[in-house]
Amino acid sequence: MKNYLAPAELANALVSWGEAKVQRTPLQLLVLGFLAGAYIGFAAHLATVVGTGDFAWIGMKKFMIGAVFSVGLMLVIIPGSELWTGNTMLTAAYLEKKISFAQVMRNWFWVYLGNLVGSVFLAWMIVSQTGIMDGAFGGTALQIASAKISHEVVGHSHNSAYFFRAIGCNWLVCLAVLLALSAQDIGGKIAGIFFPIMAFVASGFEHVIANMYFIPAGIFARNLPGARLASGLDAAVIDQLNWVTMWQNNLLTVTAGNFVGGGIFVGGVYWWLYVRKHS
């Protein structure tokens, strides 16, 4: 018996998936969004820990960071929660006229808000309340966050580079969601999630919900003397990290790029290829 959905079956399943998602209440979407933000935050913290310290083979280090980060989407999809980056694929159901524009916007608003609250809460809890981060791990958190709001991108403007990194990211994230949706057993879902997520992280792409953890973690780590020392960053660089630069220098641009990667290059394209009525 076939244990996966073929492409045309999968594209039609994506439309039904979108129809189901817009039926949830705002409170359900907010809570499920909070959970997904926290789950991605757990993965981001794990990636921070694994990425701490010297590693001779930079490509292998990126692979290891990507490998452990994949646990985040596994937690989102298998137990069940709502992740805005995956939900950009509601475009498939919208283009098929199964859901309305207002239903899409309602889902995206509450899920995005829930993801933000869950990610920031987990960053506050881990960095400020556990005692884990006042040292090398906190130094890594500061380095990651500072890099994400820095304007130093060789040969390109910061916003342009991050926009295209965000497209690449959510293109792969949404393909991971499709692979998980296609698989009919848990082993297939885990394998389907692992490889695209590992690929986007190891490639250096940008995920807005992950950044909702990474950048606040750096902001909270500014208050830890051991983390500041371990980061090796100048005080002026660390002090550029704040809630305004988080949005101006990263989240707004990455949100837009993630929408294009998932909403157009996956949801829109697969609807056009396999679902729309051809004349």
Protein backbone atom coordinates (compact mmCIF):
# COMPACT_ATOMS: atom_id res chain seq x y z
CA MET A 1 0.00 0.00 0.00
CA LYS A 2 1.31 3.47 -0.92
CA ASN A 3 2.39 5.39 2.19
CA TYR A 4 2.67 8.84 0.65
CA LEU A 5 0.59 11.25 -1.46
CA ALA A 6 1.53 11.81 -5.10
CA PRO A 7 2.07 15.47 -6.18
CA ALA A 8 -1.47 16.08 -7.49
CA GLU A 9 -2.98 14.41 -4.41
CA LEU A 10 -0.70 16.46 -2.19
CA ALA A 11 -1.64 19.75 -3.82
CA ASN A 12 -5.33 18.99 -3.34
CA ALA A 13 -4.64 17.96 0.27
CA LEU A 14 -2.96 21.35 0.74
CA VAL A 15 -6.21 23.07 -0.22
CA SER A 16 -8.17 20.98 2.31
CA TRP A 17 -5.44 21.67 4.90
CA GLY A 18 -5.98 25.40 4.38
CA GLU A 19 -9.75 25.09 4.67
CA ALA A 20 -9.39 23.38 8.05
CA LYS A 21 -6.97 25.98 9.42
CA VAL A 22 -9.32 28.93 8.99
CA GLN A 23 -12.05 27.21 11.04
CA ARG A 24 -10.22 27.73 14.34
CA THR A 25 -11.21 30.53 16.73
CA PRO A 26 -8.88 33.48 17.39
CA LEU A 27 -8.11 32.13 20.87
CA GLN A 28 -7.23 28.70 19.47
CA LEU A 29 -4.98 30.29 16.84
CA LEU A 30 -3.29 32.47 19.47
CA VAL A 31 -2.58 29.54 21.80
CA LEU A 32 -1.48 27.22 18.99
CA GLY A 33 0.68 30.04 17.65
CA PHE A 34 2.22 30.53 21.10
CA LEU A 35 3.11 26.83 21.21
CA ALA A 36 4.71 26.91 17.75
CA GLY A 37 6.74 29.99 18.67
CA ALA A 38 7.99 28.22 21.79
CA TYR A 39 8.76 25.00 19.86
CA ILE A 40 10.82 26.91 17.29
CA GLY A 41 12.45 28.73 20.21
CA PHE A 42 13.51 25.43 21.80
CA ALA A 43 15.12 24.46 18.49
CA ALA A 44 16.82 27.86 18.22
CA HIS A 45 18.21 27.53 21.74
CA LEU A 46 19.51 24.06 20.92
CA ALA A 47 21.12 25.45 17.76
CA THR A 48 22.75 28.19 19.87
CA VAL A 49 24.23 25.60 22.23
CA VAL A 50 25.48 23.36 19.40
CA GLY A 51 26.94 26.38 17.61
CA THR A 52 29.01 27.48 20.60
CA GLY A 53 32.77 26.96 20.51
CA ASP A 54 35.38 26.40 17.82
CA PHE A 55 34.77 23.84 15.11
CA ALA A 56 37.40 23.16 12.47
CA TRP A 57 35.03 22.31 9.60
CA ILE A 58 32.66 25.25 9.20
CA GLY A 59 30.40 23.36 6.79
CA MET A 60 30.03 20.46 9.24
CA LYS A 61 29.24 22.89 12.05
CA LYS A 62 26.46 24.42 9.95
CA PHE A 63 25.17 20.93 9.17
CA MET A 64 25.02 20.05 12.88
CA ILE A 65 23.22 23.29 13.72
CA GLY A 66 20.72 22.64 10.94
CA ALA A 67 20.26 19.03 12.00
CA VAL A 68 19.29 19.90 15.56
CA PHE A 69 17.12 22.85 14.47
CA SER A 70 14.86 20.47 12.53
CA VAL A 71 13.37 19.30 15.85
CA GLY A 72 11.43 22.58 15.95
CA LEU A 73 9.24 21.84 12.93
CA MET A 74 8.83 18.23 14.07
CA LEU A 75 7.33 19.56 17.30
CA VAL A 76 5.13 21.99 15.39
CA ILE A 77 3.69 19.47 12.92
CA ILE A 78 3.44 16.14 14.74
CA PRO A 79 1.87 17.18 18.11
CA GLY A 80 0.12 20.03 16.27
CA SER A 81 0.38 23.82 16.46
CA GLU A 82 0.21 26.85 14.15
CA LEU A 83 3.31 28.32 12.50
CA TRP A 84 2.91 31.47 10.40
CA THR A 85 5.64 30.56 7.92
CA GLY A 86 3.92 27.29 7.06
CA ASN A 87 0.53 29.01 6.99
CA THR A 88 1.67 31.26 4.14
CA MET A 89 0.55 28.29 2.01
CA LEU A 90 -3.06 29.24 2.73
CA THR A 91 -2.68 30.94 -0.65
CA ALA A 92 -3.49 27.58 -2.28
CA ALA A 93 -6.95 27.39 -0.68
CA TYR A 94 -7.51 31.10 -1.30
CA LEU A 95 -6.64 30.83 -5.01
CA GLU A 96 -9.01 27.86 -5.26
CA LYS A 97 -11.71 30.13 -3.73
CA LYS A 98 -12.26 27.77 -0.82
CA ILE A 99 -11.46 30.44 1.79
CA SER A 100 -11.81 34.22 1.79
CA PHE A 101 -9.17 36.94 2.00
CA ALA A 102 -10.57 37.95 5.41
CA GLN A 103 -10.17 34.38 6.69
CA VAL A 104 -6.55 34.30 5.51
CA MET A 105 -5.75 37.63 7.18
CA ARG A 106 -7.48 36.56 10.40
CA ASN A 107 -5.43 33.35 10.55
CA TRP A 108 -2.16 35.08 9.75
CA PHE A 109 -2.71 37.87 12.30
CA TRP A 110 -3.43 35.63 15.29
CA VAL A 111 -0.85 33.00 14.40
CA TYR A 112 1.90 35.58 13.80
CA LEU A 113 1.06 37.27 17.12
CA GLY A 114 1.04 33.93 18.94
CA ASN A 115 4.38 32.94 17.38
CA LEU A 116 5.89 36.26 18.50
CA VAL A 117 4.63 35.96 22.08
CA GLY A 118 5.74 32.32 22.38
CA SER A 119 9.20 32.99 20.97
CA VAL A 120 9.86 36.05 23.12
CA PHE A 121 8.52 34.31 26.23
CA LEU A 122 10.86 31.37 25.73
CA ALA A 123 13.81 33.68 25.06
CA TRP A 124 13.08 35.56 28.31
CA MET A 125 12.66 32.32 30.27
CA ILE A 126 15.85 30.66 29.02
CA VAL A 127 18.12 33.71 28.99
CA SER A 128 16.91 35.59 32.05
CA GLN A 129 15.62 32.88 34.36
CA THR A 130 17.62 29.65 33.96
CA GLY A 131 21.23 30.75 34.54
CA ILE A 132 22.29 28.76 31.44
CA MET A 133 23.21 31.75 29.32
CA ASP A 134 25.51 33.88 31.49
CA GLY A 135 28.68 32.71 29.77
CA ALA A 136 29.65 31.10 26.47
CA PHE A 137 26.11 30.24 25.36
CA GLY A 138 24.93 33.77 26.06
CA GLY A 139 27.93 35.07 24.15
CA THR A 140 26.84 33.03 21.14
CA ALA A 141 23.29 34.38 21.50
CA LEU A 142 24.68 37.92 21.39
CA GLN A 143 26.81 37.13 18.33
CA ILE A 144 23.85 35.62 16.46
CA ALA A 145 21.47 38.45 17.31
CA SER A 146 24.01 41.18 16.51
CA ALA A 147 24.73 39.61 13.13
CA LYS A 148 21.03 39.53 12.30
CA ILE A 149 20.51 43.27 12.83
CA SER A 150 23.89 44.33 11.38
CA HIS A 151 24.03 46.20 8.08
CA GLU A 152 27.31 44.53 7.13
CA VAL A 153 26.53 42.33 4.11
CA VAL A 154 29.36 42.24 1.60
CA GLY A 155 28.36 43.36 -1.88
CA HIS A 156 24.63 43.78 -1.17
CA SER A 157 22.29 45.98 0.83
CA HIS A 158 21.26 44.39 4.13
CA ASN A 159 17.52 44.41 3.41
CA SER A 160 17.90 43.03 -0.12
CA ALA A 161 20.17 40.20 1.06
CA TYR A 162 17.86 39.28 3.93
CA PHE A 163 14.77 39.39 1.71
CA PHE A 164 16.24 36.80 -0.65
CA ARG A 165 17.60 34.72 2.23
CA ALA A 166 14.06 34.68 3.61
CA ILE A 167 12.64 33.51 0.28
CA GLY A 168 15.08 30.59 0.23
CA CYS A 169 14.24 29.75 3.83
CA ASN A 170 10.48 29.51 3.57
CA TRP A 171 10.61 27.84 0.19
CA LEU A 172 12.39 24.97 1.97
CA VAL A 173 10.30 25.18 5.16
CA CYS A 174 7.06 24.89 3.21
CA LEU A 175 8.45 22.01 1.17
CA ALA A 176 9.20 20.33 4.52
CA VAL A 177 5.56 20.88 5.52
CA LEU A 178 4.44 19.36 2.20
CA LEU A 179 6.69 16.34 2.68
CA ALA A 180 5.25 15.83 6.17
CA LEU A 181 1.72 16.21 4.78
CA SER A 182 2.52 13.69 2.04
CA ALA A 183 3.93 11.06 4.41
CA GLN A 184 1.37 8.70 5.95
CA ASP A 185 3.51 7.48 8.88
CA ILE A 186 5.52 9.24 11.56
CA GLY A 187 8.89 8.02 10.29
CA GLY A 188 8.17 9.51 6.89
CA LYS A 189 7.07 12.78 8.47
CA ILE A 190 10.30 13.03 10.51
CA ALA A 191 12.48 12.31 7.49
CA GLY A 192 10.48 14.70 5.33
CA ILE A 193 10.93 17.50 7.86
CA PHE A 194 14.59 16.85 8.65
CA PHE A 195 16.26 17.34 5.29
CA PRO A 196 14.71 20.63 4.08
CA ILE A 197 15.03 22.23 7.53
CA MET A 198 18.64 21.13 7.87
CA ALA A 199 19.22 22.54 4.38
CA PHE A 200 17.77 25.99 5.08
CA VAL A 201 19.68 26.46 8.32
CA ALA A 202 22.99 25.14 6.97
CA SER A 203 22.54 27.37 3.91
CA GLY A 204 22.35 30.53 6.05
CA PHE A 205 18.77 31.48 5.17
CA GLU A 206 16.43 33.57 7.37
CA HIS A 207 13.29 32.40 9.20
CA VAL A 208 11.18 35.12 10.83
CA ILE A 209 9.86 32.96 13.69
CA ALA A 210 13.33 31.65 14.53
CA ASN A 211 14.51 35.27 14.55
CA MET A 212 11.71 36.10 16.99
CA TYR A 213 13.70 33.91 19.39
CA PHE A 214 17.29 34.62 18.31
CA ILE A 215 17.10 38.42 18.45
CA PRO A 216 15.18 38.73 21.75
CA ALA A 217 17.59 36.16 23.25
CA GLY A 218 20.42 38.54 22.35
CA ILE A 219 18.51 41.51 23.74
CA PHE A 220 17.96 39.74 27.06
CA ALA A 221 21.59 38.52 27.07
CA ARG A 222 22.82 42.13 27.00
CA ASN A 223 22.12 42.21 30.74
CA LEU A 224 24.41 39.24 31.49
CA PRO A 225 28.04 40.26 32.18
CA GLY A 226 29.38 36.80 31.38
CA ALA A 227 27.56 36.72 28.06
CA ARG A 228 28.83 40.17 27.06
CA LEU A 229 32.40 39.15 27.88
CA ALA A 230 32.14 35.81 26.10
CA SER A 231 30.69 37.40 22.95
CA GLY A 232 33.88 39.35 22.24
CA LEU A 233 31.72 42.15 20.81
CA ASP A 234 32.26 45.85 21.41
CA ALA A 235 29.78 47.48 23.78
CA ALA A 236 28.62 49.78 20.97
CA VAL A 237 27.73 46.77 18.80
CA ILE A 238 25.84 45.07 21.62
CA ASP A 239 23.95 48.24 22.44
CA GLN A 240 22.60 48.41 18.87
CA LEU A 241 20.47 45.39 19.76
CA ASN A 242 17.00 46.59 20.74
CA TRP A 243 13.32 46.05 19.96
CA VAL A 244 13.31 48.74 17.27
CA THR A 245 16.32 47.42 15.30
CA MET A 246 14.85 43.92 15.59
CA TRP A 247 11.92 45.05 13.43
CA GLN A 248 13.66 47.63 11.25
CA ASN A 249 16.74 45.59 10.37
CA ASN A 250 15.30 42.09 10.29
CA LEU A 251 11.75 40.97 11.03
CA LEU A 252 9.85 43.19 8.57
CA THR A 253 12.10 42.28 5.64
CA VAL A 254 12.29 38.60 6.58
CA THR A 255 8.49 38.41 6.97
CA ALA A 256 8.05 39.70 3.42
CA GLY A 257 10.61 37.27 2.01
CA ASN A 258 9.14 34.34 3.90
CA PHE A 259 5.72 35.15 2.43
CA VAL A 260 7.11 35.07 -1.11
CA GLY A 261 8.99 31.81 -0.49
CA GLY A 262 6.01 29.95 0.98
CA GLY A 263 2.92 31.75 -0.25
CA ILE A 264 3.98 32.15 -3.87
CA PHE A 265 6.76 29.67 -4.68
CA VAL A 266 5.07 26.76 -2.90
CA GLY A 267 1.38 27.42 -2.19
CA GLY A 268 0.76 29.45 -5.35
CA VAL A 269 2.87 27.36 -7.71
CA TYR A 270 1.52 23.99 -6.56
CA TRP A 271 -2.04 25.28 -6.84
CA TRP A 272 -1.31 26.50 -10.39
CA LEU A 273 0.34 23.23 -11.42
CA TYR A 274 -2.01 20.66 -9.93
CA VAL A 275 -5.27 22.17 -8.65
CA ARG A 276 -6.50 25.01 -10.87
CA LYS A 277 -9.00 24.17 -13.57
CA HIS A 278 -7.23 24.13 -16.92
CA SER A 279 -9.30 25.41 -19.83
